[in-house]
Amino acid sequence: MSMASSSSSGLLAMAVLAALFAGAWCVPKVTFTVEKGSNEKHLAVLVKYEGDTMAEVELREHGSDEWVAMTKGEGGVWTFDSEEPLQGPFNFRFLTEKGMKNVFDDVVPEKYTIGATYAPEE
């Protein structure tokens, strides 16, 4: 093996490792905006995920172990209706159109503000 080919292989390996580490540490930005009409029994949230679109969104209330499916509405707004008052802070789990899965805990506080945008802590 020549010196040039060994050097090229080493550089390629370092570039691949750098790309893997960069991908692992660069999580696309996600935001949750509480929409008009949200109340103690109805939650409407616009979910924005940088570079992708939501395929499925689930909600878990504070103190619950159960994930419930939200319904996709117009303009990327996801809603959930409950017979009982909802208990925040709210946790979200989703799957994007490109296959990315993620869970964000305690993103939207119990005492949220209509129109406010919340983002997970980094």
PDB file of N, CA and C in Angstrom:
ATOM      1  N   MET A   1       0.854  -1.176   0.000  1.00  0.00           N
ATOM      2  CA  MET A   1       0.000   0.000   0.000  1.00  0.00           C
ATOM      3  C   MET A   1       0.894   1.231   0.000  1.00  0.00           C
ATOM      4  N   SER A   2       0.632   2.158  -0.865  1.00  0.00           N
ATOM      5  CA  SER A   2       1.467   3.352  -0.963  1.00  0.00           C
ATOM      6  C   SER A   2       1.101   4.345   0.122  1.00  0.00           C
ATOM      7  N   MET A   3       2.015   5.274   0.357  1.00  0.00           N
ATOM      8  CA  MET A   3       1.806   6.318   1.361  1.00  0.00           C
ATOM      9  C   MET A   3       0.583   7.169   1.014  1.00  0.00           C
ATOM     10  N   ALA A   4       0.389   7.483  -0.264  1.00  0.00           N
ATOM     11  CA  ALA A   4      -0.729   8.333  -0.693  1.00  0.00           C
ATOM     12  C   ALA A   4      -2.056   7.634  -0.440  1.00  0.00           C
ATOM     13  N   SER A   5      -2.136   6.338  -0.743  1.00  0.00           N
ATOM     14  CA  SER A   5      -3.397   5.636  -0.555  1.00  0.00           C
ATOM     15  C   SER A   5      -3.712   5.466   0.925  1.00  0.00           C
ATOM     16  N   SER A   6      -2.704   5.232   1.745  1.00  0.00           N
ATOM     17  CA  SER A   6      -2.904   5.131   3.189  1.00  0.00           C
ATOM     18  C   SER A   6      -3.380   6.461   3.759  1.00  0.00           C
ATOM     19  N   SER A   7      -2.777   7.530   3.291  1.00  0.00           N
ATOM     20  CA  SER A   7      -3.148   8.871   3.741  1.00  0.00           C
ATOM     21  C   SER A   7      -4.573   9.210   3.322  1.00  0.00           C
ATOM     22  N   SER A   8      -4.939   8.857   2.090  1.00  0.00           N
ATOM     23  CA  SER A   8      -6.291   9.121   1.586  1.00  0.00           C
ATOM     24  C   SER A   8      -7.326   8.341   2.385  1.00  0.00           C
ATOM     25  N   SER A   9      -7.020   7.081   2.700  1.00  0.00           N
ATOM     26  CA  SER A   9      -7.939   6.255   3.482  1.00  0.00           C
ATOM     27  C   SER A   9      -8.143   6.842   4.872  1.00  0.00           C
ATOM     28  N   GLY A  10      -7.059   7.315   5.455  1.00  0.00           N
ATOM     29  CA  GLY A  10      -7.149   7.923   6.786  1.00  0.00           C
ATOM     30  C   GLY A  10      -7.985   9.184   6.774  1.00  0.00           C
ATOM     31  N   LEU A  11      -7.796  10.008   5.745  1.00  0.00           N
ATOM     32  CA  LEU A  11      -8.589  11.239   5.627  1.00  0.00           C
ATOM     33  C   LEU A  11     -10.061  10.924   5.419  1.00  0.00           C
ATOM     34  N   LEU A  12     -10.345   9.907   4.599  1.00  0.00           N
ATOM     35  CA  LEU A  12     -11.725   9.510   4.350  1.00  0.00           C
ATOM     36  C   LEU A  12     -12.370   9.019   5.648  1.00  0.00           C
ATOM     37  N   ALA A  13     -11.653   8.208   6.401  1.00  0.00           N
ATOM     38  CA  ALA A  13     -12.178   7.698   7.667  1.00  0.00           C
ATOM     39  C   ALA A  13     -12.465   8.840   8.636  1.00  0.00           C
ATOM     40  N   MET A  14     -11.565   9.816   8.700  1.00  0.00           N
ATOM     41  CA  MET A  14     -11.786  10.965   9.594  1.00  0.00           C
ATOM     42  C   MET A  14     -12.986  11.785   9.137  1.00  0.00           C
ATOM     43  N   ALA A  15     -13.163  11.946   7.835  1.00  0.00           N
ATOM     44  CA  ALA A  15     -14.306  12.707   7.308  1.00  0.00           C
ATOM     45  C   ALA A  15     -15.615  12.001   7.639  1.00  0.00           C
ATOM     46  N   VAL A  16     -15.627  10.672   7.505  1.00  0.00           N
ATOM     47  CA  VAL A  16     -16.835   9.901   7.827  1.00  0.00           C
ATOM     48  C   VAL A  16     -17.155  10.028   9.311  1.00  0.00           C
ATOM     49  N   LEU A  17     -16.158   9.887  10.165  1.00  0.00           N
ATOM     50  CA  LEU A  17     -16.376  10.030  11.607  1.00  0.00           C
ATOM     51  C   LEU A  17     -16.869  11.428  11.960  1.00  0.00           C
ATOM     52  N   ALA A  18     -16.296  12.441  11.359  1.00  0.00           N
ATOM     53  CA  ALA A  18     -16.727  13.820  11.621  1.00  0.00           C
ATOM     54  C   ALA A  18     -18.183  14.011  11.222  1.00  0.00           C
ATOM     55  N   ALA A  19     -18.579  13.449  10.089  1.00  0.00           N
ATOM     56  CA  ALA A  19     -19.972  13.564   9.631  1.00  0.00           C
ATOM     57  C   ALA A  19     -20.914  12.838  10.582  1.00  0.00           C
ATOM     58  N   LEU A  20     -20.498  11.657  11.056  1.00  0.00           N
ATOM     59  CA  LEU A  20     -21.333  10.911  11.997  1.00  0.00           C
ATOM     60  C   LEU A  20     -21.515  11.674  13.302  1.00  0.00           C
ATOM     61  N   PHE A  21     -20.427  12.222  13.836  1.00  0.00           N
ATOM     62  CA  PHE A  21     -20.531  12.983  15.075  1.00  0.00           C
ATOM     63  C   PHE A  21     -21.362  14.240  14.878  1.00  0.00           C
ATOM     64  N   ALA A  22     -21.196  14.910  13.769  1.00  0.00           N
ATOM     65  CA  ALA A  22     -21.968  16.128  13.496  1.00  0.00           C
ATOM     66  C   ALA A  22     -23.445  15.790  13.414  1.00  0.00           C
ATOM     67  N   GLY A  23     -23.783  14.688  12.753  1.00  0.00           N
ATOM     68  CA  GLY A  23     -25.180  14.280  12.633  1.00  0.00           C
ATOM     69  C   GLY A  23     -25.773  13.902  13.975  1.00  0.00           C
ATOM     70  N   ALA A  24     -24.981  13.283  14.828  1.00  0.00           N
ATOM     71  CA  ALA A  24     -25.481  12.872  16.136  1.00  0.00           C
ATOM     72  C   ALA A  24     -25.742  14.064  17.044  1.00  0.00           C
ATOM     73  N   TRP A  25     -24.994  15.123  16.885  1.00  0.00           N
ATOM     74  CA  TRP A  25     -25.131  16.269  17.775  1.00  0.00           C
ATOM     75  C   TRP A  25     -25.999  17.385  17.205  1.00  0.00           C
ATOM     76  N   CYS A  26     -26.349  17.325  15.923  1.00  0.00           N
ATOM     77  CA  CYS A  26     -27.156  18.368  15.290  1.00  0.00           C
ATOM     78  C   CYS A  26     -28.602  17.909  15.177  1.00  0.00           C
ATOM     79  N   VAL A  27     -29.379  18.122  16.205  1.00  0.00           N
ATOM     80  CA  VAL A  27     -30.789  17.760  16.186  1.00  0.00           C
ATOM     81  C   VAL A  27     -31.559  18.904  15.548  1.00  0.00           C
ATOM     82  N   PRO A  28     -32.368  18.611  14.522  1.00  0.00           N
ATOM     83  CA  PRO A  28     -33.138  19.689  13.900  1.00  0.00           C
ATOM     84  C   PRO A  28     -34.043  20.380  14.921  1.00  0.00           C
ATOM     85  N   LYS A  29     -34.268  21.657  14.711  1.00  0.00           N
ATOM     86  CA  LYS A  29     -35.066  22.446  15.636  1.00  0.00           C
ATOM     87  C   LYS A  29     -36.545  22.088  15.506  1.00  0.00           C
ATOM     88  N   VAL A  30     -37.203  21.910  16.641  1.00  0.00           N
ATOM     89  CA  VAL A  30     -38.636  21.641  16.677  1.00  0.00           C
ATOM     90  C   VAL A  30     -39.291  22.667  17.597  1.00  0.00           C
ATOM     91  N   THR A  31     -40.470  23.153  17.189  1.00  0.00           N
ATOM     92  CA  THR A  31     -41.224  24.091  18.020  1.00  0.00           C
ATOM     93  C   THR A  31     -42.682  23.665  18.080  1.00  0.00           C
ATOM     94  N   PHE A  32     -43.334  24.058  19.165  1.00  0.00           N
ATOM     95  CA  PHE A  32     -44.739  23.744  19.409  1.00  0.00           C
ATOM     96  C   PHE A  32     -45.452  25.057  19.731  1.00  0.00           C
ATOM     97  N   THR A  33     -46.391  25.479  18.872  1.00  0.00           N
ATOM     98  CA  THR A  33     -47.140  26.715  19.090  1.00  0.00           C
ATOM     99  C   THR A  33     -48.570  26.357  19.466  1.00  0.00           C
ATOM    100  N   VAL A  34     -49.022  26.844  20.631  1.00  0.00           N
ATOM    101  CA  VAL A  34     -50.388  26.579  21.087  1.00  0.00           C
ATOM    102  C   VAL A  34     -51.335  27.482  20.302  1.00  0.00           C
ATOM    103  N   GLU A  35     -52.301  26.862  19.631  1.00  0.00           N
ATOM    104  CA  GLU A  35     -53.204  27.571  18.731  1.00  0.00           C
ATOM    105  C   GLU A  35     -54.496  28.018  19.424  1.00  0.00           C
ATOM    106  N   LYS A  36     -55.158  29.000  18.795  1.00  0.00           N
ATOM    107  CA  LYS A  36     -56.466  29.476  19.261  1.00  0.00           C
ATOM    108  C   LYS A  36     -57.417  28.297  19.385  1.00  0.00           C
ATOM    109  N   GLY A  37     -58.300  28.382  20.361  1.00  0.00           N
ATOM    110  CA  GLY A  37     -59.274  27.318  20.577  1.00  0.00           C
ATOM    111  C   GLY A  37     -58.830  26.315  21.624  1.00  0.00           C
ATOM    112  N   SER A  38     -57.555  26.352  21.997  1.00  0.00           N
ATOM    113  CA  SER A  38     -57.081  25.442  23.039  1.00  0.00           C
ATOM    114  C   SER A  38     -57.709  25.845  24.365  1.00  0.00           C
ATOM    115  N   ASN A  39     -58.107  24.843  25.133  1.00  0.00           N
ATOM    116  CA  ASN A  39     -58.683  25.087  26.459  1.00  0.00           C
ATOM    117  C   ASN A  39     -58.403  23.871  27.330  1.00  0.00           C
ATOM    118  N   GLU A  40     -59.043  23.796  28.481  1.00  0.00           N
ATOM    119  CA  GLU A  40     -58.707  22.714  29.417  1.00  0.00           C
ATOM    120  C   GLU A  40     -59.021  21.314  28.877  1.00  0.00           C
ATOM    121  N   LYS A  41     -59.900  21.210  27.875  1.00  0.00           N
ATOM    122  CA  LYS A  41     -60.250  19.900  27.323  1.00  0.00           C
ATOM    123  C   LYS A  41     -59.888  19.735  25.841  1.00  0.00           C
ATOM    124  N   HIS A  42     -59.280  20.749  25.264  1.00  0.00           N
ATOM    125  CA  HIS A  42     -58.912  20.712  23.839  1.00  0.00           C
ATOM    126  C   HIS A  42     -57.539  21.362  23.675  1.00  0.00           C
ATOM    127  N   LEU A  43     -56.618  20.619  23.088  1.00  0.00           N
ATOM    128  CA  LEU A  43     -55.288  21.162  22.840  1.00  0.00           C
ATOM    129  C   LEU A  43     -55.030  21.142  21.338  1.00  0.00           C
ATOM    130  N   ALA A  44     -54.689  22.310  20.790  1.00  0.00           N
ATOM    131  CA  ALA A  44     -54.342  22.446  19.371  1.00  0.00           C
ATOM    132  C   ALA A  44     -52.933  23.016  19.303  1.00  0.00           C
ATOM    133  N   VAL A  45     -52.037  22.288  18.646  1.00  0.00           N
ATOM    134  CA  VAL A  45     -50.630  22.669  18.610  1.00  0.00           C
ATOM    135  C   VAL A  45     -50.102  22.596  17.177  1.00  0.00           C
ATOM    136  N   LEU A  46     -49.467  23.678  16.745  1.00  0.00           N
ATOM    137  CA  LEU A  46     -48.770  23.684  15.460  1.00  0.00           C
ATOM    138  C   LEU A  46     -47.356  23.185  15.730  1.00  0.00           C
ATOM    139  N   VAL A  47     -47.010  22.059  15.121  1.00  0.00           N
ATOM    140  CA  VAL A  47     -45.687  21.469  15.320  1.00  0.00           C
ATOM    141  C   VAL A  47     -44.847  21.762  14.083  1.00  0.00           C
ATOM    142  N   LYS A  48     -43.708  22.415  14.297  1.00  0.00           N
ATOM    143  CA  LYS A  48     -42.782  22.690  13.191  1.00  0.00           C
ATOM    144  C   LYS A  48     -41.471  21.977  13.482  1.00  0.00           C
ATOM    145  N   TYR A  49     -41.026  21.214  12.494  1.00  0.00           N
ATOM    146  CA  TYR A  49     -39.788  20.456  12.609  1.00  0.00           C
ATOM    147  C   TYR A  49     -38.930  20.813  11.412  1.00  0.00           C
ATOM    148  N   GLU A  50     -37.812  21.423  11.667  1.00  0.00           N
ATOM    149  CA  GLU A  50     -36.921  21.940  10.627  1.00  0.00           C
ATOM    150  C   GLU A  50     -36.578  20.871   9.590  1.00  0.00           C
ATOM    151  N   GLY A  51     -36.982  21.121   8.339  1.00  0.00           N
ATOM    152  CA  GLY A  51     -36.604  20.245   7.244  1.00  0.00           C
ATOM    153  C   GLY A  51     -37.458  19.013   7.053  1.00  0.00           C
ATOM    154  N   ASP A  52     -38.600  18.913   7.761  1.00  0.00           N
ATOM    155  CA  ASP A  52     -39.427  17.719   7.639  1.00  0.00           C
ATOM    156  C   ASP A  52     -40.868  18.046   8.018  1.00  0.00           C
ATOM    157  N   THR A  53     -41.763  17.093   7.772  1.00  0.00           N
ATOM    158  CA  THR A  53     -43.185  17.243   8.067  1.00  0.00           C
ATOM    159  C   THR A  53     -43.616  16.104   8.980  1.00  0.00           C
ATOM    160  N   MET A  54     -44.517  16.391   9.901  1.00  0.00           N
ATOM    161  CA  MET A  54     -44.997  15.377  10.826  1.00  0.00           C
ATOM    162  C   MET A  54     -45.901  14.364  10.124  1.00  0.00           C
ATOM    163  N   ALA A  55     -45.691  13.082  10.410  1.00  0.00           N
ATOM    164  CA  ALA A  55     -46.565  12.018   9.915  1.00  0.00           C
ATOM    165  C   ALA A  55     -47.506  11.577  11.034  1.00  0.00           C
ATOM    166  N   GLU A  56     -46.993  11.540  12.267  1.00  0.00           N
ATOM    167  CA  GLU A  56     -47.783  11.148  13.441  1.00  0.00           C
ATOM    168  C   GLU A  56     -47.306  11.970  14.630  1.00  0.00           C
ATOM    169  N   VAL A  57     -48.258  12.388  15.473  1.00  0.00           N
ATOM    170  CA  VAL A  57     -47.912  13.084  16.712  1.00  0.00           C
ATOM    171  C   VAL A  57     -48.755  12.474  17.823  1.00  0.00           C
ATOM    172  N   GLU A  58     -48.110  12.177  18.948  1.00  0.00           N
ATOM    173  CA  GLU A  58     -48.807  11.649  20.113  1.00  0.00           C
ATOM    174  C   GLU A  58     -48.552  12.561  21.305  1.00  0.00           C
ATOM    175  N   LEU A  59     -49.501  12.555  22.218  1.00  0.00           N
ATOM    176  CA  LEU A  59     -49.472  13.401  23.408  1.00  0.00           C
ATOM    177  C   LEU A  59     -49.493  12.517  24.646  1.00  0.00           C
ATOM    178  N   ARG A  60     -48.726  12.908  25.653  1.00  0.00           N
ATOM    179  CA  ARG A  60     -48.803  12.254  26.963  1.00  0.00           C
ATOM    180  C   ARG A  60     -48.943  13.351  27.997  1.00  0.00           C
ATOM    181  N   GLU A  61     -49.979  13.220  28.801  1.00  0.00           N
ATOM    182  CA  GLU A  61     -50.211  14.207  29.849  1.00  0.00           C
ATOM    183  C   GLU A  61     -49.283  13.949  31.034  1.00  0.00           C
ATOM    184  N   HIS A  62     -49.117  14.982  31.846  1.00  0.00           N
ATOM    185  CA  HIS A  62     -48.306  14.881  33.058  1.00  0.00           C
ATOM    186  C   HIS A  62     -48.865  13.773  33.950  1.00  0.00           C
ATOM    187  N   GLY A  63     -47.997  12.915  34.434  1.00  0.00           N
ATOM    188  CA  GLY A  63     -48.398  11.857  35.352  1.00  0.00           C
ATOM    189  C   GLY A  63     -48.986  10.625  34.688  1.00  0.00           C
ATOM    190  N   SER A  64     -49.086  10.624  33.370  1.00  0.00           N
ATOM    191  CA  SER A  64     -49.662   9.485  32.654  1.00  0.00           C
ATOM    192  C   SER A  64     -48.554   8.673  31.987  1.00  0.00           C
ATOM    193  N   ASP A  65     -48.808   7.382  31.830  1.00  0.00           N
ATOM    194  CA  ASP A  65     -47.894   6.512  31.090  1.00  0.00           C
ATOM    195  C   ASP A  65     -48.415   6.262  29.679  1.00  0.00           C
ATOM    196  N   GLU A  66     -49.619   6.776  29.392  1.00  0.00           N
ATOM    197  CA  GLU A  66     -50.291   6.495  28.127  1.00  0.00           C
ATOM    198  C   GLU A  66     -50.059   7.586  27.083  1.00  0.00           C
ATOM    199  N   TRP A  67     -49.631   7.159  25.902  1.00  0.00           N
ATOM    200  CA  TRP A  67     -49.508   8.059  24.755  1.00  0.00           C
ATOM    201  C   TRP A  67     -50.804   7.978  23.971  1.00  0.00           C
ATOM    202  N   VAL A  68     -51.368   9.130  23.585  1.00  0.00           N
ATOM    203  CA  VAL A  68     -52.597   9.165  22.795  1.00  0.00           C
ATOM    204  C   VAL A  68     -52.328   9.889  21.481  1.00  0.00           C
ATOM    205  N   ALA A  69     -52.936   9.386  20.416  1.00  0.00           N
ATOM    206  CA  ALA A  69     -52.737   9.972  19.091  1.00  0.00           C
ATOM    207  C   ALA A  69     -53.451  11.311  18.985  1.00  0.00           C
ATOM    208  N   MET A  70     -52.769  12.267  18.380  1.00  0.00           N
ATOM    209  CA  MET A  70     -53.386  13.552  18.073  1.00  0.00           C
ATOM    210  C   MET A  70     -53.890  13.476  16.629  1.00  0.00           C
ATOM    211  N   THR A  71     -54.853  14.334  16.304  1.00  0.00           N
ATOM    212  CA  THR A  71     -55.443  14.366  14.968  1.00  0.00           C
ATOM    213  C   THR A  71     -54.846  15.511  14.170  1.00  0.00           C
ATOM    214  N   LYS A  72     -54.420  15.204  12.934  1.00  0.00           N
ATOM    215  CA  LYS A  72     -53.822  16.232  12.082  1.00  0.00           C
ATOM    216  C   LYS A  72     -54.920  17.061  11.431  1.00  0.00           C
ATOM    217  N   GLY A  73     -54.785  18.379  11.565  1.00  0.00           N
ATOM    218  CA  GLY A  73     -55.726  19.301  10.952  1.00  0.00           C
ATOM    219  C   GLY A  73     -55.044  20.128   9.877  1.00  0.00           C
ATOM    220  N   GLU A  74     -55.697  21.203   9.494  1.00  0.00           N
ATOM    221  CA  GLU A  74     -55.158  22.079   8.449  1.00  0.00           C
ATOM    222  C   GLU A  74     -53.890  22.793   8.906  1.00  0.00           C
ATOM    223  N   GLY A  75     -52.981  22.972   7.970  1.00  0.00           N
ATOM    224  CA  GLY A  75     -51.790  23.770   8.221  1.00  0.00           C
ATOM    225  C   GLY A  75     -50.815  23.197   9.227  1.00  0.00           C
ATOM    226  N   GLY A  76     -50.851  21.884   9.437  1.00  0.00           N
ATOM    227  CA  GLY A  76     -49.906  21.271  10.364  1.00  0.00           C
ATOM    228  C   GLY A  76     -50.293  21.386  11.828  1.00  0.00           C
ATOM    229  N   VAL A  77     -51.563  21.737  12.101  1.00  0.00           N
ATOM    230  CA  VAL A  77     -52.039  21.836  13.488  1.00  0.00           C
ATOM    231  C   VAL A  77     -52.531  20.455  13.926  1.00  0.00           C
ATOM    232  N   TRP A  78     -52.029  20.015  15.060  1.00  0.00           N
ATOM    233  CA  TRP A  78     -52.409  18.730  15.641  1.00  0.00           C
ATOM    234  C   TRP A  78     -53.290  18.993  16.853  1.00  0.00           C
ATOM    235  N   THR A  79     -54.397  18.233  16.979  1.00  0.00           N
ATOM    236  CA  THR A  79     -55.345  18.477  18.068  1.00  0.00           C
ATOM    237  C   THR A  79     -55.618  17.205  18.859  1.00  0.00           C
ATOM    238  N   PHE A  80     -56.048  17.434  20.095  1.00  0.00           N
ATOM    239  CA  PHE A  80     -56.511  16.342  20.951  1.00  0.00           C
ATOM    240  C   PHE A  80     -57.653  16.862  21.800  1.00  0.00           C
ATOM    241  N   ASP A  81     -58.728  16.071  21.867  1.00  0.00           N
ATOM    242  CA  ASP A  81     -59.888  16.410  22.690  1.00  0.00           C
ATOM    243  C   ASP A  81     -60.042  15.374  23.785  1.00  0.00           C
ATOM    244  N   SER A  82     -60.397  15.860  24.979  1.00  0.00           N
ATOM    245  CA  SER A  82     -60.543  14.994  26.137  1.00  0.00           C
ATOM    246  C   SER A  82     -61.861  15.296  26.842  1.00  0.00           C
ATOM    247  N   GLU A  83     -62.442  14.280  27.455  1.00  0.00           N
ATOM    248  CA  GLU A  83     -63.651  14.495  28.250  1.00  0.00           C
ATOM    249  C   GLU A  83     -63.299  15.104  29.599  1.00  0.00           C
ATOM    250  N   GLU A  84     -62.085  14.870  30.050  1.00  0.00           N
ATOM    251  CA  GLU A  84     -61.598  15.398  31.330  1.00  0.00           C
ATOM    252  C   GLU A  84     -60.607  16.527  31.059  1.00  0.00           C
ATOM    253  N   PRO A  85     -60.422  17.433  32.023  1.00  0.00           N
ATOM    254  CA  PRO A  85     -59.405  18.482  31.843  1.00  0.00           C
ATOM    255  C   PRO A  85     -58.017  17.861  31.624  1.00  0.00           C
ATOM    256  N   LEU A  86     -57.290  18.406  30.674  1.00  0.00           N
ATOM    257  CA  LEU A  86     -55.942  17.929  30.363  1.00  0.00           C
ATOM    258  C   LEU A  86     -54.957  18.386  31.437  1.00  0.00           C
ATOM    259  N   GLN A  87     -53.981  17.540  31.718  1.00  0.00           N
ATOM    260  CA  GLN A  87     -52.985  17.822  32.748  1.00  0.00           C
ATOM    261  C   GLN A  87     -51.607  18.050  32.126  1.00  0.00           C
ATOM    262  N   GLY A  88     -51.126  19.283  32.196  1.00  0.00           N
ATOM    263  CA  GLY A  88     -49.786  19.602  31.714  1.00  0.00           C
ATOM    264  C   GLY A  88     -48.799  19.496  32.850  1.00  0.00           C
ATOM    265  N   PRO A  89     -47.529  19.680  32.567  1.00  0.00           N
ATOM    266  CA  PRO A  89     -46.938  19.961  31.261  1.00  0.00           C
ATOM    267  C   PRO A  89     -47.104  18.769  30.314  1.00  0.00           C
ATOM    268  N   PHE A  90     -47.068  19.081  29.010  1.00  0.00           N
ATOM    269  CA  PHE A  90     -47.361  18.088  27.990  1.00  0.00           C
ATOM    270  C   PHE A  90     -46.093  17.576  27.318  1.00  0.00           C
ATOM    271  N   ASN A  91     -46.123  16.276  27.039  1.00  0.00           N
ATOM    272  CA  ASN A  91     -45.022  15.580  26.378  1.00  0.00           C
ATOM    273  C   ASN A  91     -45.484  15.197  24.975  1.00  0.00           C
ATOM    274  N   PHE A  92     -44.565  15.219  24.022  1.00  0.00           N
ATOM    275  CA  PHE A  92     -44.908  14.885  22.645  1.00  0.00           C
ATOM    276  C   PHE A  92     -43.949  13.839  22.098  1.00  0.00           C
ATOM    277  N   ARG A  93     -44.519  12.924  21.327  1.00  0.00           N
ATOM    278  CA  ARG A  93     -43.733  11.901  20.630  1.00  0.00           C
ATOM    279  C   ARG A  93     -44.185  11.956  19.176  1.00  0.00           C
ATOM    280  N   PHE A  94     -43.236  11.919  18.244  1.00  0.00           N
ATOM    281  CA  PHE A  94     -43.651  12.013  16.846  1.00  0.00           C
ATOM    282  C   PHE A  94     -42.794  11.192  15.908  1.00  0.00           C
ATOM    283  N   LEU A  95     -43.363  11.011  14.719  1.00  0.00           N
ATOM    284  CA  LEU A  95     -42.696  10.363  13.599  1.00  0.00           C
ATOM    285  C   LEU A  95     -42.851  11.313  12.422  1.00  0.00           C
ATOM    286  N   THR A  96     -41.743  11.618  11.746  1.00  0.00           N
ATOM    287  CA  THR A  96     -41.810  12.529  10.596  1.00  0.00           C
ATOM    288  C   THR A  96     -41.978  11.736   9.302  1.00  0.00           C
ATOM    289  N   GLU A  97     -42.294  12.452   8.239  1.00  0.00           N
ATOM    290  CA  GLU A  97     -42.452  11.841   6.908  1.00  0.00           C
ATOM    291  C   GLU A  97     -41.158  11.146   6.475  1.00  0.00           C
ATOM    292  N   LYS A  98     -40.006  11.673   6.910  1.00  0.00           N
ATOM    293  CA  LYS A  98     -38.710  11.089   6.535  1.00  0.00           C
ATOM    294  C   LYS A  98     -38.275   9.968   7.475  1.00  0.00           C
ATOM    295  N   GLY A  99     -39.131   9.626   8.461  1.00  0.00           N
ATOM    296  CA  GLY A  99     -38.835   8.511   9.351  1.00  0.00           C
ATOM    297  C   GLY A  99     -38.129   8.862  10.647  1.00  0.00           C
ATOM    298  N   MET A 100     -37.913  10.135  10.932  1.00  0.00           N
ATOM    299  CA  MET A 100     -37.268  10.542  12.183  1.00  0.00           C
ATOM    300  C   MET A 100     -38.273  10.398  13.330  1.00  0.00           C
ATOM    301  N   LYS A 101     -37.845   9.782  14.427  1.00  0.00           N
ATOM    302  CA  LYS A 101     -38.688   9.634  15.617  1.00  0.00           C
ATOM    303  C   LYS A 101     -38.048  10.421  16.747  1.00  0.00           C
ATOM    304  N   ASN A 102     -38.884  11.026  17.585  1.00  0.00           N
ATOM    305  CA  ASN A 102     -38.341  11.766  18.715  1.00  0.00           C
ATOM    306  C   ASN A 102     -39.386  11.911  19.801  1.00  0.00           C
ATOM    307  N   VAL A 103     -38.918  12.125  21.022  1.00  0.00           N
ATOM    308  CA  VAL A 103     -39.782  12.359  22.176  1.00  0.00           C
ATOM    309  C   VAL A 103     -39.290  13.615  22.869  1.00  0.00           C
ATOM    310  N   PHE A 104     -40.228  14.493  23.208  1.00  0.00           N
ATOM    311  CA  PHE A 104     -39.899  15.714  23.934  1.00  0.00           C
ATOM    312  C   PHE A 104     -40.778  15.786  25.171  1.00  0.00           C
ATOM    313  N   ASP A 105     -40.152  15.810  26.334  1.00  0.00           N
ATOM    314  CA  ASP A 105     -40.879  15.838  27.601  1.00  0.00           C
ATOM    315  C   ASP A 105     -41.050  17.256  28.118  1.00  0.00           C
ATOM    316  N   ASP A 106     -42.210  17.486  28.736  1.00  0.00           N
ATOM    317  CA  ASP A 106     -42.508  18.751  29.429  1.00  0.00           C
ATOM    318  C   ASP A 106     -42.260  19.980  28.555  1.00  0.00           C
ATOM    319  N   VAL A 107     -42.705  19.925  27.294  1.00  0.00           N
ATOM    320  CA  VAL A 107     -42.456  21.026  26.365  1.00  0.00           C
ATOM    321  C   VAL A 107     -43.448  22.164  26.568  1.00  0.00           C
ATOM    322  N   VAL A 108     -44.732  21.839  26.561  1.00  0.00           N
ATOM    323  CA  VAL A 108     -45.771  22.859  26.726  1.00  0.00           C
ATOM    324  C   VAL A 108     -46.219  22.824  28.185  1.00  0.00           C
ATOM    325  N   PRO A 109     -46.081  23.951  28.894  1.00  0.00           N
ATOM    326  CA  PRO A 109     -46.419  23.972  30.320  1.00  0.00           C
ATOM    327  C   PRO A 109     -47.924  23.859  30.564  1.00  0.00           C
ATOM    328  N   GLU A 110     -48.278  23.504  31.792  1.00  0.00           N
ATOM    329  CA  GLU A 110     -49.696  23.397  32.154  1.00  0.00           C
ATOM    330  C   GLU A 110     -50.406  24.734  31.952  1.00  0.00           C
ATOM    331  N   LYS A 111     -49.766  25.807  32.341  1.00  0.00           N
ATOM    332  CA  LYS A 111     -50.349  27.153  32.203  1.00  0.00           C
ATOM    333  C   LYS A 111     -49.776  27.804  30.943  1.00  0.00           C
ATOM    334  N   TYR A 112     -50.103  27.227  29.800  1.00  0.00           N
ATOM    335  CA  TYR A 112     -49.604  27.742  28.524  1.00  0.00           C
ATOM    336  C   TYR A 112     -50.332  29.027  28.135  1.00  0.00           C
ATOM    337  N   THR A 113     -49.774  29.722  27.161  1.00  0.00           N
ATOM    338  CA  THR A 113     -50.360  30.945  26.619  1.00  0.00           C
ATOM    339  C   THR A 113     -50.736  30.683  25.166  1.00  0.00           C
ATOM    340  N   ILE A 114     -51.985  31.018  24.800  1.00  0.00           N
ATOM    341  CA  ILE A 114     -52.419  30.871  23.412  1.00  0.00           C
ATOM    342  C   ILE A 114     -51.516  31.736  22.531  1.00  0.00           C
ATOM    343  N   GLY A 115     -51.016  31.157  21.467  1.00  0.00           N
ATOM    344  CA  GLY A 115     -50.140  31.877  20.544  1.00  0.00           C
ATOM    345  C   GLY A 115     -48.665  31.779  20.892  1.00  0.00           C
ATOM    346  N   ALA A 116     -48.362  31.268  22.083  1.00  0.00           N
ATOM    347  CA  ALA A 116     -46.957  31.142  22.494  1.00  0.00           C
ATOM    348  C   ALA A 116     -46.321  29.938  21.804  1.00  0.00           C
ATOM    349  N   THR A 117     -45.044  30.080  21.498  1.00  0.00           N
ATOM    350  CA  THR A 117     -44.275  29.001  20.890  1.00  0.00           C
ATOM    351  C   THR A 117     -43.289  28.475  21.924  1.00  0.00           C
ATOM    352  N   TYR A 118     -43.295  27.168  22.091  1.00  0.00           N
ATOM    353  CA  TYR A 118     -42.422  26.514  23.058  1.00  0.00           C
ATOM    354  C   TYR A 118     -41.456  25.592  22.316  1.00  0.00           C
ATOM    355  N   ALA A 119     -40.245  25.515  22.828  1.00  0.00           N
ATOM    356  CA  ALA A 119     -39.229  24.636  22.245  1.00  0.00           C
ATOM    357  C   ALA A 119     -38.607  23.820  23.369  1.00  0.00           C
ATOM    358  N   PRO A 120     -38.231  22.581  23.072  1.00  0.00           N
ATOM    359  CA  PRO A 120     -37.571  21.766  24.095  1.00  0.00           C
ATOM    360  C   PRO A 120     -36.249  22.392  24.503  1.00  0.00           C
ATOM    361  N   GLU A 121     -35.875  22.147  25.749  1.00  0.00           N
ATOM    362  CA  GLU A 121     -34.568  22.621  26.211  1.00  0.00           C
ATOM    363  C   GLU A 121     -33.501  21.804  25.521  1.00  0.00           C
ATOM    364  N   GLU A 122     -32.416  22.469  25.161  1.00  0.00           N
ATOM    365  CA  GLU A 122     -31.323  21.761  24.472  1.00  0.00           C
ATOM    366  C   GLU A 122     -30.306  21.283  25.464  1.00  0.00           C
TER     367      GLU A 122
END
